[in-house]
């Protein structure tokens, strides 16, 4: 049973890392959709992102499907969405540093490192101007809290 739980963790980490790479390589984040549900007094939020690709097509990916928020309030949902971008950046940096160590004596290391998005590509500031949708009863309040949180994060980055 422990092996199965460990494998689920590995699979989730790989999926989140690859989703973060897709967000990082995209030209623009066009839409962010959050969907919160509560089961057994746990509030779980999903973050789905609409991305503009280099070939001008839209691609939809799930950046996080397992955010456990303290409650279902707009503030907590906003924190969860922003946290999903921070987590993605952290995963990308971990991938980058492990690749550097694995290929430290390889001449083609730089070609590999170019392919890995950096954590800056998941900056919350990239969300400025994107379209926010939510499947929540208090959608307007979520949008206001989310936009305030983005502006606060961007001011701190300056």
N, C-alpha and C. Protein backbone atom coordinates (compact mmCIF):
# COMPACT_ATOMS: atom_id res chain seq x y z
N UNK A 1 0.82 -1.19 0.00
CA UNK A 1 0.00 0.00 0.00
C UNK A 1 0.86 1.27 0.00
N UNK A 2 1.96 1.25 0.76
CA UNK A 2 2.84 2.41 0.81
C UNK A 2 3.45 2.68 -0.57
N UNK A 3 3.79 1.62 -1.29
CA UNK A 3 4.35 1.78 -2.64
C UNK A 3 3.35 2.48 -3.56
N UNK A 4 2.09 2.10 -3.48
CA UNK A 4 1.05 2.72 -4.32
C UNK A 4 0.92 4.20 -3.98
N UNK A 5 0.92 4.56 -2.70
CA UNK A 5 0.84 5.96 -2.31
C UNK A 5 2.05 6.74 -2.82
N UNK A 6 3.23 6.14 -2.72
CA UNK A 6 4.44 6.81 -3.21
C UNK A 6 4.36 7.02 -4.72
N UNK A 7 3.86 6.04 -5.45
CA UNK A 7 3.76 6.17 -6.90
C UNK A 7 2.75 7.25 -7.29
N UNK A 8 1.67 7.39 -6.53
CA UNK A 8 0.72 8.46 -6.80
C UNK A 8 1.37 9.82 -6.59
N UNK A 9 2.21 9.93 -5.57
CA UNK A 9 2.92 11.18 -5.31
C UNK A 9 3.87 11.50 -6.46
N UNK A 10 4.59 10.50 -6.94
CA UNK A 10 5.51 10.70 -8.06
C UNK A 10 4.75 11.13 -9.30
N UNK A 11 3.65 10.45 -9.59
CA UNK A 11 2.84 10.77 -10.77
C UNK A 11 2.29 12.21 -10.67
N UNK A 12 1.80 12.59 -9.52
CA UNK A 12 1.26 13.94 -9.32
C UNK A 12 2.36 14.99 -9.49
N UNK A 13 3.53 14.72 -8.95
CA UNK A 13 4.65 15.67 -9.07
C UNK A 13 5.06 15.84 -10.53
N UNK A 14 5.14 14.76 -11.27
CA UNK A 14 5.50 14.84 -12.68
C UNK A 14 4.44 15.61 -13.46
N UNK A 15 3.17 15.31 -13.20
CA UNK A 15 2.08 15.99 -13.91
C UNK A 15 2.09 17.49 -13.62
N UNK A 16 2.29 17.87 -12.36
CA UNK A 16 2.32 19.29 -12.01
C UNK A 16 3.54 20.00 -12.62
N UNK A 17 4.67 19.30 -12.66
CA UNK A 17 5.88 19.89 -13.24
C UNK A 17 5.69 20.13 -14.73
N UNK A 18 5.14 19.16 -15.43
CA UNK A 18 4.91 19.31 -16.87
C UNK A 18 3.86 20.38 -17.16
N UNK A 19 2.84 20.47 -16.30
CA UNK A 19 1.83 21.53 -16.47
C UNK A 19 2.48 22.90 -16.26
N UNK A 20 3.36 23.00 -15.27
CA UNK A 20 4.06 24.27 -15.02
C UNK A 20 4.95 24.63 -16.21
N UNK A 21 5.58 23.62 -16.81
CA UNK A 21 6.42 23.89 -17.98
C UNK A 21 5.57 24.43 -19.13
N UNK A 22 4.39 23.87 -19.32
CA UNK A 22 3.49 24.36 -20.38
C UNK A 22 3.11 25.81 -20.14
N UNK A 23 2.80 26.14 -18.90
CA UNK A 23 2.46 27.53 -18.57
C UNK A 23 3.67 28.43 -18.81
N UNK A 24 4.82 27.99 -18.40
CA UNK A 24 6.04 28.78 -18.56
C UNK A 24 6.40 29.03 -20.01
N UNK A 25 6.16 28.07 -20.87
CA UNK A 25 6.52 28.20 -22.28
C UNK A 25 5.46 28.93 -23.10
N UNK A 26 4.29 29.14 -22.53
CA UNK A 26 3.22 29.79 -23.28
C UNK A 26 3.53 31.27 -23.51
N UNK A 27 2.96 31.80 -24.57
CA UNK A 27 3.15 33.22 -24.90
C UNK A 27 2.39 34.09 -23.91
N UNK A 28 1.16 33.70 -23.60
CA UNK A 28 0.31 34.51 -22.74
C UNK A 28 -0.68 33.61 -22.03
N UNK A 29 -0.99 33.96 -20.80
CA UNK A 29 -2.06 33.28 -20.07
C UNK A 29 -3.33 34.05 -20.37
N UNK A 30 -4.26 33.41 -21.05
CA UNK A 30 -5.48 34.09 -21.47
C UNK A 30 -6.60 33.97 -20.44
N UNK A 31 -6.66 32.83 -19.74
CA UNK A 31 -7.79 32.61 -18.83
C UNK A 31 -7.34 31.74 -17.66
N UNK A 32 -7.88 32.03 -16.50
CA UNK A 32 -7.71 31.19 -15.32
C UNK A 32 -9.09 30.87 -14.80
N UNK A 33 -9.34 29.60 -14.60
CA UNK A 33 -10.64 29.17 -14.06
C UNK A 33 -10.39 28.39 -12.78
N UNK A 34 -11.07 28.77 -11.73
CA UNK A 34 -10.97 28.02 -10.48
C UNK A 34 -12.33 27.39 -10.19
N UNK A 35 -12.27 26.22 -9.65
CA UNK A 35 -13.48 25.48 -9.32
C UNK A 35 -13.29 24.88 -7.94
N UNK A 36 -14.11 25.31 -7.01
CA UNK A 36 -13.98 24.85 -5.63
C UNK A 36 -15.14 23.92 -5.29
N UNK A 37 -14.82 22.85 -4.61
CA UNK A 37 -15.85 21.94 -4.13
C UNK A 37 -15.51 21.54 -2.71
N UNK A 38 -16.51 21.18 -1.96
CA UNK A 38 -16.22 20.74 -0.59
C UNK A 38 -16.81 19.34 -0.40
N UNK A 39 -15.97 18.52 0.16
CA UNK A 39 -16.38 17.15 0.48
C UNK A 39 -15.85 16.83 1.87
N UNK A 40 -16.71 16.37 2.73
CA UNK A 40 -16.33 16.01 4.09
C UNK A 40 -15.59 17.13 4.80
N UNK A 41 -16.11 18.31 4.73
CA UNK A 41 -15.57 19.51 5.37
C UNK A 41 -14.18 19.90 4.85
N UNK A 42 -13.75 19.39 3.70
CA UNK A 42 -12.49 19.80 3.06
C UNK A 42 -12.84 20.55 1.80
N UNK A 43 -12.21 21.68 1.61
CA UNK A 43 -12.44 22.49 0.43
C UNK A 43 -11.30 22.27 -0.55
N UNK A 44 -11.62 21.74 -1.71
CA UNK A 44 -10.62 21.43 -2.73
C UNK A 44 -10.86 22.34 -3.93
N UNK A 45 -9.78 22.97 -4.40
CA UNK A 45 -9.86 23.90 -5.53
C UNK A 45 -9.03 23.37 -6.68
N UNK A 46 -9.59 23.44 -7.87
CA UNK A 46 -8.88 23.11 -9.10
C UNK A 46 -8.54 24.41 -9.81
N UNK A 47 -7.38 24.43 -10.49
CA UNK A 47 -6.96 25.61 -11.25
C UNK A 47 -6.72 25.16 -12.69
N UNK A 48 -7.56 25.66 -13.60
CA UNK A 48 -7.44 25.34 -15.02
C UNK A 48 -7.03 26.62 -15.74
N UNK A 49 -6.03 26.50 -16.61
CA UNK A 49 -5.44 27.66 -17.25
C UNK A 49 -5.57 27.54 -18.76
N UNK A 50 -6.02 28.62 -19.41
CA UNK A 50 -6.07 28.69 -20.87
C UNK A 50 -4.85 29.45 -21.37
N UNK A 51 -4.05 28.80 -22.21
CA UNK A 51 -2.77 29.36 -22.65
C UNK A 51 -2.76 29.65 -24.14
N UNK A 52 -2.14 30.75 -24.52
CA UNK A 52 -1.89 31.05 -25.92
C UNK A 52 -0.53 30.49 -26.28
N UNK A 53 -0.51 29.56 -27.23
CA UNK A 53 0.72 28.89 -27.64
C UNK A 53 1.44 29.69 -28.73
N UNK A 54 2.64 29.27 -29.07
CA UNK A 54 3.46 29.95 -30.09
C UNK A 54 2.78 29.93 -31.46
N UNK A 55 1.98 28.91 -31.74
CA UNK A 55 1.31 28.82 -33.04
C UNK A 55 -0.08 29.49 -33.02
N UNK A 56 -0.33 30.35 -32.02
CA UNK A 56 -1.58 31.09 -31.84
C UNK A 56 -2.80 30.21 -31.60
N UNK A 57 -2.59 29.03 -31.07
CA UNK A 57 -3.71 28.18 -30.66
C UNK A 57 -3.85 28.27 -29.15
N UNK A 58 -5.05 27.99 -28.69
CA UNK A 58 -5.29 27.97 -27.25
C UNK A 58 -5.17 26.55 -26.74
N UNK A 59 -4.54 26.42 -25.60
CA UNK A 59 -4.37 25.11 -24.97
C UNK A 59 -4.86 25.23 -23.54
N UNK A 60 -5.62 24.27 -23.09
CA UNK A 60 -6.14 24.28 -21.73
C UNK A 60 -5.45 23.18 -20.93
N UNK A 61 -4.92 23.54 -19.78
CA UNK A 61 -4.30 22.55 -18.91
C UNK A 61 -4.78 22.75 -17.47
N UNK A 62 -4.68 21.71 -16.70
CA UNK A 62 -4.98 21.79 -15.27
C UNK A 62 -3.66 21.98 -14.53
N UNK A 63 -3.45 23.15 -13.97
CA UNK A 63 -2.22 23.43 -13.25
C UNK A 63 -2.24 22.77 -11.87
N UNK A 64 -3.39 22.72 -11.25
CA UNK A 64 -3.52 22.09 -9.94
C UNK A 64 -4.94 21.57 -9.78
N UNK A 65 -5.05 20.36 -9.32
CA UNK A 65 -6.36 19.78 -9.09
C UNK A 65 -6.51 19.28 -7.67
N UNK A 66 -5.64 19.77 -6.81
CA UNK A 66 -5.61 19.22 -5.46
C UNK A 66 -5.36 20.27 -4.38
N UNK A 67 -5.70 21.52 -4.66
CA UNK A 67 -5.45 22.56 -3.66
C UNK A 67 -6.46 22.44 -2.53
N UNK A 68 -5.97 22.30 -1.34
CA UNK A 68 -6.85 22.20 -0.18
C UNK A 68 -6.83 23.55 0.53
N UNK A 69 -7.93 24.26 0.40
CA UNK A 69 -8.04 25.59 1.00
C UNK A 69 -8.63 25.47 2.40
N UNK A 70 -8.33 26.45 3.22
CA UNK A 70 -8.81 26.43 4.60
C UNK A 70 -10.34 26.43 4.66
N UNK A 71 -10.96 27.16 3.76
CA UNK A 71 -12.41 27.20 3.68
C UNK A 71 -12.79 27.62 2.26
N UNK A 72 -14.05 27.77 1.99
CA UNK A 72 -14.50 28.09 0.64
C UNK A 72 -14.62 29.57 0.34
N UNK A 73 -14.01 30.41 1.16
CA UNK A 73 -14.14 31.85 0.94
C UNK A 73 -13.35 32.30 -0.28
N UNK A 74 -13.71 33.45 -0.78
CA UNK A 74 -13.03 34.02 -1.95
C UNK A 74 -11.55 34.26 -1.66
N UNK A 75 -11.25 34.70 -0.45
CA UNK A 75 -9.85 34.97 -0.08
C UNK A 75 -9.01 33.70 -0.16
N UNK A 76 -9.54 32.60 0.37
CA UNK A 76 -8.80 31.34 0.37
C UNK A 76 -8.65 30.77 -1.04
N UNK A 77 -9.69 30.92 -1.86
CA UNK A 77 -9.57 30.47 -3.26
C UNK A 77 -8.48 31.26 -3.98
N UNK A 78 -8.44 32.56 -3.75
CA UNK A 78 -7.43 33.40 -4.40
C UNK A 78 -6.03 32.99 -3.96
N UNK A 79 -5.87 32.76 -2.67
CA UNK A 79 -4.57 32.30 -2.17
C UNK A 79 -4.18 30.97 -2.80
N UNK A 80 -5.15 30.08 -2.97
CA UNK A 80 -4.87 28.78 -3.55
C UNK A 80 -4.41 28.87 -5.00
N UNK A 81 -5.06 29.73 -5.77
CA UNK A 81 -4.67 29.90 -7.18
C UNK A 81 -3.26 30.46 -7.27
N UNK A 82 -2.97 31.47 -6.48
CA UNK A 82 -1.63 32.06 -6.49
C UNK A 82 -0.60 31.06 -6.00
N UNK A 83 -0.95 30.27 -5.00
CA UNK A 83 -0.04 29.24 -4.49
C UNK A 83 0.28 28.20 -5.57
N UNK A 84 -0.69 27.90 -6.44
CA UNK A 84 -0.43 26.91 -7.50
C UNK A 84 0.66 27.40 -8.45
N UNK A 85 0.73 28.70 -8.69
CA UNK A 85 1.79 29.26 -9.54
C UNK A 85 3.13 29.20 -8.81
N UNK A 86 3.15 29.49 -7.53
CA UNK A 86 4.38 29.41 -6.74
C UNK A 86 4.90 27.97 -6.69
N UNK A 87 3.98 27.03 -6.47
CA UNK A 87 4.37 25.62 -6.42
C UNK A 87 4.95 25.17 -7.76
N UNK A 88 4.33 25.59 -8.85
CA UNK A 88 4.82 25.24 -10.18
C UNK A 88 6.22 25.78 -10.41
N UNK A 89 6.48 27.01 -9.99
CA UNK A 89 7.80 27.60 -10.12
C UNK A 89 8.83 26.85 -9.31
N UNK A 90 8.44 26.44 -8.11
CA UNK A 90 9.34 25.65 -7.26
C UNK A 90 9.69 24.30 -7.90
N UNK A 91 8.71 23.65 -8.49
CA UNK A 91 8.95 22.37 -9.17
C UNK A 91 9.88 22.55 -10.37
N UNK A 92 9.70 23.63 -11.12
CA UNK A 92 10.58 23.88 -12.27
C UNK A 92 12.02 24.13 -11.83
N UNK A 93 12.19 24.87 -10.74
CA UNK A 93 13.55 25.13 -10.25
C UNK A 93 14.21 23.84 -9.76
N UNK A 94 13.42 22.99 -9.14
CA UNK A 94 13.97 21.69 -8.69
C UNK A 94 14.40 20.85 -9.87
N UNK A 95 13.60 20.83 -10.92
CA UNK A 95 13.92 20.09 -12.13
C UNK A 95 15.20 20.66 -12.77
N UNK A 96 15.28 21.97 -12.83
CA UNK A 96 16.44 22.64 -13.42
C UNK A 96 17.73 22.28 -12.66
N UNK A 97 17.68 22.39 -11.33
CA UNK A 97 18.89 22.12 -10.54
C UNK A 97 19.30 20.65 -10.60
N UNK A 98 18.33 19.75 -10.64
CA UNK A 98 18.66 18.32 -10.77
C UNK A 98 19.27 18.03 -12.13
N UNK A 99 18.80 18.70 -13.16
CA UNK A 99 19.37 18.51 -14.51
C UNK A 99 20.80 19.03 -14.55
N UNK A 100 21.05 20.15 -13.90
CA UNK A 100 22.41 20.69 -13.84
C UNK A 100 23.34 19.67 -13.19
N UNK A 101 22.91 19.07 -12.07
CA UNK A 101 23.74 18.08 -11.38
C UNK A 101 23.93 16.81 -12.20
N UNK A 102 22.86 16.35 -12.84
CA UNK A 102 22.94 15.10 -13.60
C UNK A 102 23.86 15.21 -14.80
N UNK A 103 23.88 16.37 -15.44
CA UNK A 103 24.62 16.54 -16.68
C UNK A 103 25.77 17.54 -16.53
N UNK A 104 26.38 17.58 -15.34
CA UNK A 104 27.40 18.61 -15.10
C UNK A 104 28.61 18.49 -16.02
N UNK A 105 28.94 17.30 -16.49
CA UNK A 105 30.09 17.13 -17.38
C UNK A 105 29.69 16.90 -18.83
N UNK A 106 28.45 17.13 -19.15
CA UNK A 106 27.94 16.87 -20.50
C UNK A 106 27.99 18.16 -21.33
N UNK A 107 28.49 18.03 -22.54
CA UNK A 107 28.58 19.19 -23.43
C UNK A 107 27.21 19.69 -23.89
N UNK A 108 26.22 18.82 -23.88
CA UNK A 108 24.88 19.19 -24.35
C UNK A 108 23.97 19.66 -23.23
N UNK A 109 24.54 19.90 -22.06
CA UNK A 109 23.74 20.33 -20.90
C UNK A 109 22.96 21.60 -21.19
N UNK A 110 23.57 22.55 -21.83
CA UNK A 110 22.91 23.83 -22.10
C UNK A 110 21.68 23.65 -23.00
N UNK A 111 21.74 22.72 -23.94
CA UNK A 111 20.58 22.45 -24.80
C UNK A 111 19.41 21.91 -23.98
N UNK A 112 19.71 21.11 -22.97
CA UNK A 112 18.66 20.58 -22.09
C UNK A 112 18.09 21.68 -21.20
N UNK A 113 18.96 22.51 -20.67
CA UNK A 113 18.51 23.54 -19.73
C UNK A 113 17.64 24.59 -20.40
N UNK A 114 17.88 24.85 -21.66
CA UNK A 114 17.06 25.82 -22.40
C UNK A 114 15.61 25.35 -22.48
N UNK A 115 15.41 24.04 -22.51
CA UNK A 115 14.06 23.48 -22.64
C UNK A 115 13.24 23.57 -21.36
N UNK A 116 13.89 23.78 -20.23
CA UNK A 116 13.19 23.82 -18.95
C UNK A 116 12.84 25.28 -18.62
N UNK A 117 11.56 25.54 -18.46
CA UNK A 117 11.12 26.89 -18.08
C UNK A 117 11.66 27.23 -16.70
N UNK A 118 11.94 28.49 -16.47
CA UNK A 118 12.42 28.93 -15.16
C UNK A 118 11.23 29.41 -14.32
N UNK A 119 11.44 29.50 -13.02
CA UNK A 119 10.33 29.85 -12.13
C UNK A 119 9.75 31.23 -12.41
N UNK A 120 10.56 32.12 -12.96
CA UNK A 120 10.07 33.46 -13.29
C UNK A 120 8.96 33.42 -14.33
N UNK A 121 8.94 32.36 -15.14
CA UNK A 121 7.91 32.24 -16.17
C UNK A 121 6.54 31.93 -15.57
N UNK A 122 6.50 31.59 -14.28
CA UNK A 122 5.24 31.38 -13.58
C UNK A 122 4.95 32.52 -12.61
N UNK A 123 5.47 33.68 -12.89
CA UNK A 123 5.21 34.85 -12.05
C UNK A 123 3.71 35.16 -12.08
N UNK A 124 3.20 35.50 -10.93
CA UNK A 124 1.79 35.86 -10.81
C UNK A 124 1.47 37.09 -11.65
N UNK A 125 2.47 37.91 -11.92
CA UNK A 125 2.26 39.11 -12.74
C UNK A 125 1.80 38.76 -14.15
N UNK A 126 2.08 37.55 -14.61
CA UNK A 126 1.61 37.13 -15.93
C UNK A 126 0.09 37.00 -15.97
N UNK A 127 -0.54 36.99 -14.81
CA UNK A 127 -2.00 36.88 -14.75
C UNK A 127 -2.70 38.22 -14.94
N UNK A 128 -1.94 39.31 -14.89
CA UNK A 128 -2.56 40.62 -15.10
C UNK A 128 -3.19 40.67 -16.48
N UNK A 129 -4.44 41.02 -16.54
CA UNK A 129 -5.14 41.13 -17.81
C UNK A 129 -5.76 39.84 -18.32
N UNK A 130 -5.57 38.74 -17.59
CA UNK A 130 -6.20 37.51 -18.06
C UNK A 130 -7.67 37.49 -17.61
N UNK A 131 -8.44 36.64 -18.24
CA UNK A 131 -9.86 36.53 -17.95
C UNK A 131 -10.03 35.51 -16.83
N UNK A 132 -10.67 35.89 -15.75
CA UNK A 132 -10.87 35.01 -14.61
C UNK A 132 -12.31 34.52 -14.58
N UNK A 133 -12.46 33.22 -14.52
CA UNK A 133 -13.79 32.64 -14.32
C UNK A 133 -13.71 31.72 -13.11
N UNK A 134 -14.85 31.53 -12.50
CA UNK A 134 -14.90 30.64 -11.35
C UNK A 134 -16.27 29.98 -11.29
N UNK A 135 -16.29 28.82 -10.73
CA UNK A 135 -17.53 28.10 -10.54
C UNK A 135 -17.86 28.15 -9.05
N UNK A 136 -18.24 29.34 -8.63
CA UNK A 136 -18.46 29.58 -7.21
C UNK A 136 -19.70 30.45 -7.05
N UNK A 137 -20.35 30.30 -5.93
CA UNK A 137 -21.55 31.10 -5.67
C UNK A 137 -21.21 32.58 -5.48
N UNK A 138 -20.01 32.85 -4.99
CA UNK A 138 -19.61 34.23 -4.77
C UNK A 138 -18.56 34.64 -5.80
N UNK A 139 -18.88 34.45 -7.08
CA UNK A 139 -17.92 34.66 -8.17
C UNK A 139 -17.37 36.09 -8.20
N UNK A 140 -18.22 37.08 -8.00
CA UNK A 140 -17.76 38.47 -8.06
C UNK A 140 -16.74 38.74 -6.95
N UNK A 141 -16.99 38.23 -5.78
CA UNK A 141 -16.06 38.44 -4.67
C UNK A 141 -14.74 37.71 -4.92
N UNK A 142 -14.80 36.52 -5.53
CA UNK A 142 -13.57 35.80 -5.87
C UNK A 142 -12.74 36.62 -6.84
N UNK A 143 -13.37 37.18 -7.87
CA UNK A 143 -12.65 38.00 -8.85
C UNK A 143 -11.97 39.20 -8.20
N UNK A 144 -12.69 39.88 -7.31
CA UNK A 144 -12.12 41.05 -6.63
C UNK A 144 -10.94 40.64 -5.77
N UNK A 145 -11.09 39.58 -4.99
CA UNK A 145 -9.99 39.12 -4.12
C UNK A 145 -8.80 38.65 -4.96
N UNK A 146 -9.09 37.95 -6.03
CA UNK A 146 -8.03 37.42 -6.89
C UNK A 146 -7.24 38.57 -7.52
N UNK A 147 -7.94 39.55 -8.07
CA UNK A 147 -7.26 40.69 -8.68
C UNK A 147 -6.45 41.48 -7.65
N UNK A 148 -6.98 41.67 -6.46
CA UNK A 148 -6.24 42.37 -5.40
C UNK A 148 -4.98 41.60 -5.03
N UNK A 149 -5.10 40.28 -4.94
CA UNK A 149 -3.94 39.46 -4.60
C UNK A 149 -2.88 39.51 -5.68
N UNK A 150 -3.29 39.50 -6.95
CA UNK A 150 -2.32 39.58 -8.05
C UNK A 150 -1.57 40.90 -7.99
N UNK A 151 -2.30 42.01 -7.83
CA UNK A 151 -1.65 43.32 -7.76
C UNK A 151 -0.70 43.39 -6.57
N UNK A 152 -1.09 42.84 -5.44
CA UNK A 152 -0.21 42.84 -4.26
C UNK A 152 1.06 42.05 -4.54
N UNK A 153 0.94 40.90 -5.16
CA UNK A 153 2.12 40.08 -5.47
C UNK A 153 3.02 40.79 -6.46
N UNK A 154 2.44 41.43 -7.45
CA UNK A 154 3.25 42.13 -8.46
C UNK A 154 3.98 43.32 -7.87
N UNK A 155 3.35 44.01 -6.94
CA UNK A 155 4.01 45.15 -6.28
C UNK A 155 5.19 44.65 -5.46
N UNK A 156 5.03 43.49 -4.80
CA UNK A 156 6.12 42.92 -4.00
C UNK A 156 7.27 42.47 -4.87
N UNK A 157 6.99 42.05 -6.12
CA UNK A 157 8.04 41.59 -7.04
C UNK A 157 8.90 42.74 -7.56
N UNK A 158 8.35 43.96 -7.52
CA UNK A 158 9.08 45.11 -8.10
C UNK A 158 10.22 45.53 -7.22
